[in-house]
């Protein structure tokens, strides 16, 4: 019969992943059902992988929203003011950094570096398309030296 001729083709195909295999005694209808079942399992695996990728992009989007939020921008501006004040105290004072001033500088610089790294992680390759990000990177790494 024509259905019996289809079974060996399905059984011999390279992509066939069936639980029971196909023998000469296998009913053609069962063989077709098994093939559809294995395709469904492959589709479910692909869906799981896609959901994992979607979950990966969601946390990046959430991180980007957090970094672009008003609260984060206000905190960054406060850190800039603290750092400028710290530099002014050094310049208007003795000209030498005290241990406290050096500690403040390193804490502020560490927070700027953390923010920059998180931004790179959140937006990926788009990070390098913004001149402000290039400017921030230059200023932070120049401050490290």
C-alpha atoms as a PDB file:
ATOM      1  CA  UNK A   1       0.000   0.000   0.000  1.00  0.00           C
ATOM      2  CA  UNK A   2       1.018   3.638  -0.408  1.00  0.00           C
ATOM      3  CA  UNK A   3       0.999   4.280   3.343  1.00  0.00           C
ATOM      4  CA  UNK A   4       3.439   1.417   3.948  1.00  0.00           C
ATOM      5  CA  UNK A   5       5.832   2.981   1.433  1.00  0.00           C
ATOM      6  CA  UNK A   6       5.859   6.254   3.377  1.00  0.00           C
ATOM      7  CA  UNK A   7       6.981   4.637   6.640  1.00  0.00           C
ATOM      8  CA  UNK A   8      10.510   3.691   5.519  1.00  0.00           C
ATOM      9  CA  UNK A   9      11.071   7.214   4.194  1.00  0.00           C
ATOM     10  CA  UNK A  10      10.098   8.731   7.534  1.00  0.00           C
ATOM     11  CA  UNK A  11      12.169   6.191   9.428  1.00  0.00           C
ATOM     12  CA  UNK A  12      15.198   6.797   7.262  1.00  0.00           C
ATOM     13  CA  UNK A  13      15.073  10.603   7.314  1.00  0.00           C
ATOM     14  CA  UNK A  14      18.010  12.336   8.960  1.00  0.00           C
ATOM     15  CA  UNK A  15      15.961  14.599  11.226  1.00  0.00           C
ATOM     16  CA  UNK A  16      13.699  11.895  12.631  1.00  0.00           C
ATOM     17  CA  UNK A  17      13.783  11.750  16.431  1.00  0.00           C
ATOM     18  CA  UNK A  18      11.081   9.325  17.441  1.00  0.00           C
ATOM     19  CA  UNK A  19      10.749   7.529  20.703  1.00  0.00           C
ATOM     20  CA  UNK A  20      10.022   4.063  19.364  1.00  0.00           C
ATOM     21  CA  UNK A  21      11.722   3.803  15.980  1.00  0.00           C
ATOM     22  CA  UNK A  22      10.181   2.296  12.896  1.00  0.00           C
ATOM     23  CA  UNK A  23      10.222  -1.414  12.153  1.00  0.00           C
ATOM     24  CA  UNK A  24       8.553  -3.471   9.510  1.00  0.00           C
ATOM     25  CA  UNK A  25       5.727  -4.310  11.929  1.00  0.00           C
ATOM     26  CA  UNK A  26       4.933  -0.676  12.784  1.00  0.00           C
ATOM     27  CA  UNK A  27       1.549   0.604  11.751  1.00  0.00           C
ATOM     28  CA  UNK A  28       1.964   3.530   9.267  1.00  0.00           C
ATOM     29  CA  UNK A  29      -0.581   5.648  11.137  1.00  0.00           C
ATOM     30  CA  UNK A  30       1.352   5.168  14.407  1.00  0.00           C
ATOM     31  CA  UNK A  31       4.605   6.052  12.622  1.00  0.00           C
ATOM     32  CA  UNK A  32       3.158   9.322  11.316  1.00  0.00           C
ATOM     33  CA  UNK A  33       1.784  10.131  14.781  1.00  0.00           C
ATOM     34  CA  UNK A  34       5.194   9.442  16.371  1.00  0.00           C
ATOM     35  CA  UNK A  35       6.873  11.723  13.856  1.00  0.00           C
ATOM     36  CA  UNK A  36       4.411  14.527  14.603  1.00  0.00           C
ATOM     37  CA  UNK A  37       4.988  14.003  18.335  1.00  0.00           C
ATOM     38  CA  UNK A  38       8.750  14.323  17.946  1.00  0.00           C
ATOM     39  CA  UNK A  39       8.295  17.485  15.882  1.00  0.00           C
ATOM     40  CA  UNK A  40       6.122  18.879  18.648  1.00  0.00           C
ATOM     41  CA  UNK A  41       8.853  18.115  21.187  1.00  0.00           C
ATOM     42  CA  UNK A  42      11.414  19.890  18.972  1.00  0.00           C
ATOM     43  CA  UNK A  43       9.081  22.894  18.698  1.00  0.00           C
ATOM     44  CA  UNK A  44       8.671  22.981  22.478  1.00  0.00           C
ATOM     45  CA  UNK A  45      12.462  22.956  22.884  1.00  0.00           C
ATOM     46  CA  UNK A  46      12.762  25.846  20.427  1.00  0.00           C
ATOM     47  CA  UNK A  47      10.035  27.742  22.316  1.00  0.00           C
ATOM     48  CA  UNK A  48      11.881  27.199  25.616  1.00  0.00           C
ATOM     49  CA  UNK A  49      15.100  28.538  24.089  1.00  0.00           C
ATOM     50  CA  UNK A  50      13.266  31.549  22.665  1.00  0.00           C
ATOM     51  CA  UNK A  51      11.684  32.299  26.045  1.00  0.00           C
ATOM     52  CA  UNK A  52      15.135  32.127  27.627  1.00  0.00           C
ATOM     53  CA  UNK A  53      16.430  34.649  25.092  1.00  0.00           C
ATOM     54  CA  UNK A  54      13.405  36.869  25.727  1.00  0.00           C
ATOM     55  CA  UNK A  55      14.001  36.730  29.491  1.00  0.00           C
ATOM     56  CA  UNK A  56      17.631  37.693  28.833  1.00  0.00           C
ATOM     57  CA  UNK A  57      16.617  40.774  26.862  1.00  0.00           C
ATOM     58  CA  UNK A  58      13.984  41.782  29.432  1.00  0.00           C
ATOM     59  CA  UNK A  59      16.495  42.252  32.241  1.00  0.00           C
ATOM     60  CA  UNK A  60      18.687  44.314  29.909  1.00  0.00           C
ATOM     61  CA  UNK A  61      15.725  46.535  29.053  1.00  0.00           C
ATOM     62  CA  UNK A  62      14.861  46.897  32.740  1.00  0.00           C
ATOM     63  CA  UNK A  63      18.464  47.794  33.547  1.00  0.00           C
ATOM     64  CA  UNK A  64      18.511  50.377  30.754  1.00  0.00           C
ATOM     65  CA  UNK A  65      15.283  51.924  32.069  1.00  0.00           C
ATOM     66  CA  UNK A  66      16.757  52.078  35.577  1.00  0.00           C
ATOM     67  CA  UNK A  67      19.948  53.735  34.329  1.00  0.00           C
ATOM     68  CA  UNK A  68      17.933  56.289  32.332  1.00  0.00           C
ATOM     69  CA  UNK A  69      15.541  57.026  35.193  1.00  0.00           C
ATOM     70  CA  UNK A  70      15.305  60.409  36.888  1.00  0.00           C
ATOM     71  CA  UNK A  71      16.463  58.937  40.190  1.00  0.00           C
ATOM     72  CA  UNK A  72      19.676  57.577  38.660  1.00  0.00           C
ATOM     73  CA  UNK A  73      20.381  60.847  36.850  1.00  0.00           C
ATOM     74  CA  UNK A  74      19.884  62.819  40.065  1.00  0.00           C
ATOM     75  CA  UNK A  75      22.245  60.478  41.926  1.00  0.00           C
ATOM     76  CA  UNK A  76      24.872  60.839  39.187  1.00  0.00           C
ATOM     77  CA  UNK A  77      24.565  64.634  39.331  1.00  0.00           C
ATOM     78  CA  UNK A  78      24.976  64.548  43.121  1.00  0.00           C
ATOM     79  CA  UNK A  79      28.102  62.427  42.707  1.00  0.00           C
ATOM     80  CA  UNK A  80      29.469  64.957  40.200  1.00  0.00           C
ATOM     81  CA  UNK A  81      28.801  67.776  42.688  1.00  0.00           C
ATOM     82  CA  UNK A  82      30.487  65.833  45.500  1.00  0.00           C
ATOM     83  CA  UNK A  83      33.502  65.204  43.289  1.00  0.00           C
ATOM     84  CA  UNK A  84      33.723  68.860  42.164  1.00  0.00           C
ATOM     85  CA  UNK A  85      33.392  69.994  45.785  1.00  0.00           C
ATOM     86  CA  UNK A  86      36.123  67.575  46.776  1.00  0.00           C
ATOM     87  CA  UNK A  87      38.439  68.963  44.069  1.00  0.00           C
ATOM     88  CA  UNK A  88      37.662  72.552  45.106  1.00  0.00           C
ATOM     89  CA  UNK A  89      38.460  71.795  48.744  1.00  0.00           C
ATOM     90  CA  UNK A  90      41.795  70.368  47.629  1.00  0.00           C
ATOM     91  CA  UNK A  91      42.617  73.314  45.343  1.00  0.00           C
ATOM     92  CA  UNK A  92      41.503  76.036  47.779  1.00  0.00           C
ATOM     93  CA  UNK A  93      43.033  74.312  50.772  1.00  0.00           C
ATOM     94  CA  UNK A  94      46.598  73.162  51.136  1.00  0.00           C
ATOM     95  CA  UNK A  95      46.714  71.664  47.656  1.00  0.00           C
ATOM     96  CA  UNK A  96      47.319  68.220  49.130  1.00  0.00           C
ATOM     97  CA  UNK A  97      44.723  65.484  49.339  1.00  0.00           C
ATOM     98  CA  UNK A  98      43.907  64.166  52.768  1.00  0.00           C
ATOM     99  CA  UNK A  99      43.019  60.530  53.307  1.00  0.00           C
ATOM    100  CA  UNK A 100      39.334  61.437  53.456  1.00  0.00           C
ATOM    101  CA  UNK A 101      39.494  63.376  50.174  1.00  0.00           C
ATOM    102  CA  UNK A 102      41.337  60.538  48.458  1.00  0.00           C
ATOM    103  CA  UNK A 103      38.758  58.066  49.770  1.00  0.00           C
ATOM    104  CA  UNK A 104      35.888  60.219  48.482  1.00  0.00           C
ATOM    105  CA  UNK A 105      37.555  60.456  45.067  1.00  0.00           C
ATOM    106  CA  UNK A 106      37.976  56.689  44.783  1.00  0.00           C
ATOM    107  CA  UNK A 107      34.436  55.930  45.971  1.00  0.00           C
ATOM    108  CA  UNK A 108      32.935  58.412  43.484  1.00  0.00           C
ATOM    109  CA  UNK A 109      35.163  57.113  40.686  1.00  0.00           C
ATOM    110  CA  UNK A 110      34.188  53.525  41.545  1.00  0.00           C
ATOM    111  CA  UNK A 111      30.498  54.425  41.367  1.00  0.00           C
ATOM    112  CA  UNK A 112      31.001  56.155  38.003  1.00  0.00           C
ATOM    113  CA  UNK A 113      32.873  53.117  36.694  1.00  0.00           C
ATOM    114  CA  UNK A 114      30.086  50.822  37.941  1.00  0.00           C
ATOM    115  CA  UNK A 115      27.441  52.959  36.224  1.00  0.00           C
ATOM    116  CA  UNK A 116      29.442  52.958  32.989  1.00  0.00           C
ATOM    117  CA  UNK A 117      29.892  49.171  33.097  1.00  0.00           C
ATOM    118  CA  UNK A 118      26.206  48.572  33.785  1.00  0.00           C
ATOM    119  CA  UNK A 119      25.287  50.864  30.890  1.00  0.00           C
ATOM    120  CA  UNK A 120      27.612  48.911  28.573  1.00  0.00           C
ATOM    121  CA  UNK A 121      26.004  45.685  29.727  1.00  0.00           C
ATOM    122  CA  UNK A 122      22.460  47.014  29.346  1.00  0.00           C
ATOM    123  CA  UNK A 123      22.669  48.470  25.867  1.00  0.00           C
ATOM    124  CA  UNK A 124      25.427  46.374  24.323  1.00  0.00           C
ATOM    125  CA  UNK A 125      26.824  47.566  20.994  1.00  0.00           C
ATOM    126  CA  UNK A 126      24.520  50.613  20.973  1.00  0.00           C
ATOM    127  CA  UNK A 127      26.714  51.994  23.764  1.00  0.00           C
ATOM    128  CA  UNK A 128      29.390  53.001  21.261  1.00  0.00           C
ATOM    129  CA  UNK A 129      26.945  54.888  19.023  1.00  0.00           C
ATOM    130  CA  UNK A 130      26.477  57.676  21.565  1.00  0.00           C
ATOM    131  CA  UNK A 131      29.061  60.459  21.838  1.00  0.00           C
ATOM    132  CA  UNK A 132      28.083  61.023  25.483  1.00  0.00           C
ATOM    133  CA  UNK A 133      29.006  57.438  26.302  1.00  0.00           C
ATOM    134  CA  UNK A 134      32.382  57.939  24.580  1.00  0.00           C
ATOM    135  CA  UNK A 135      32.880  61.146  26.551  1.00  0.00           C
ATOM    136  CA  UNK A 136      31.972  59.452  29.863  1.00  0.00           C
ATOM    137  CA  UNK A 137      34.320  56.579  29.081  1.00  0.00           C
ATOM    138  CA  UNK A 138      37.178  58.975  28.306  1.00  0.00           C
ATOM    139  CA  UNK A 139      36.639  61.057  31.451  1.00  0.00           C
ATOM    140  CA  UNK A 140      36.387  58.048  33.751  1.00  0.00           C
ATOM    141  CA  UNK A 141      39.420  56.256  32.363  1.00  0.00           C
ATOM    142  CA  UNK A 142      41.430  59.517  32.333  1.00  0.00           C
ATOM    143  CA  UNK A 143      40.522  59.923  36.017  1.00  0.00           C
ATOM    144  CA  UNK A 144      41.880  56.463  36.754  1.00  0.00           C
ATOM    145  CA  UNK A 145      45.335  57.491  35.509  1.00  0.00           C
END
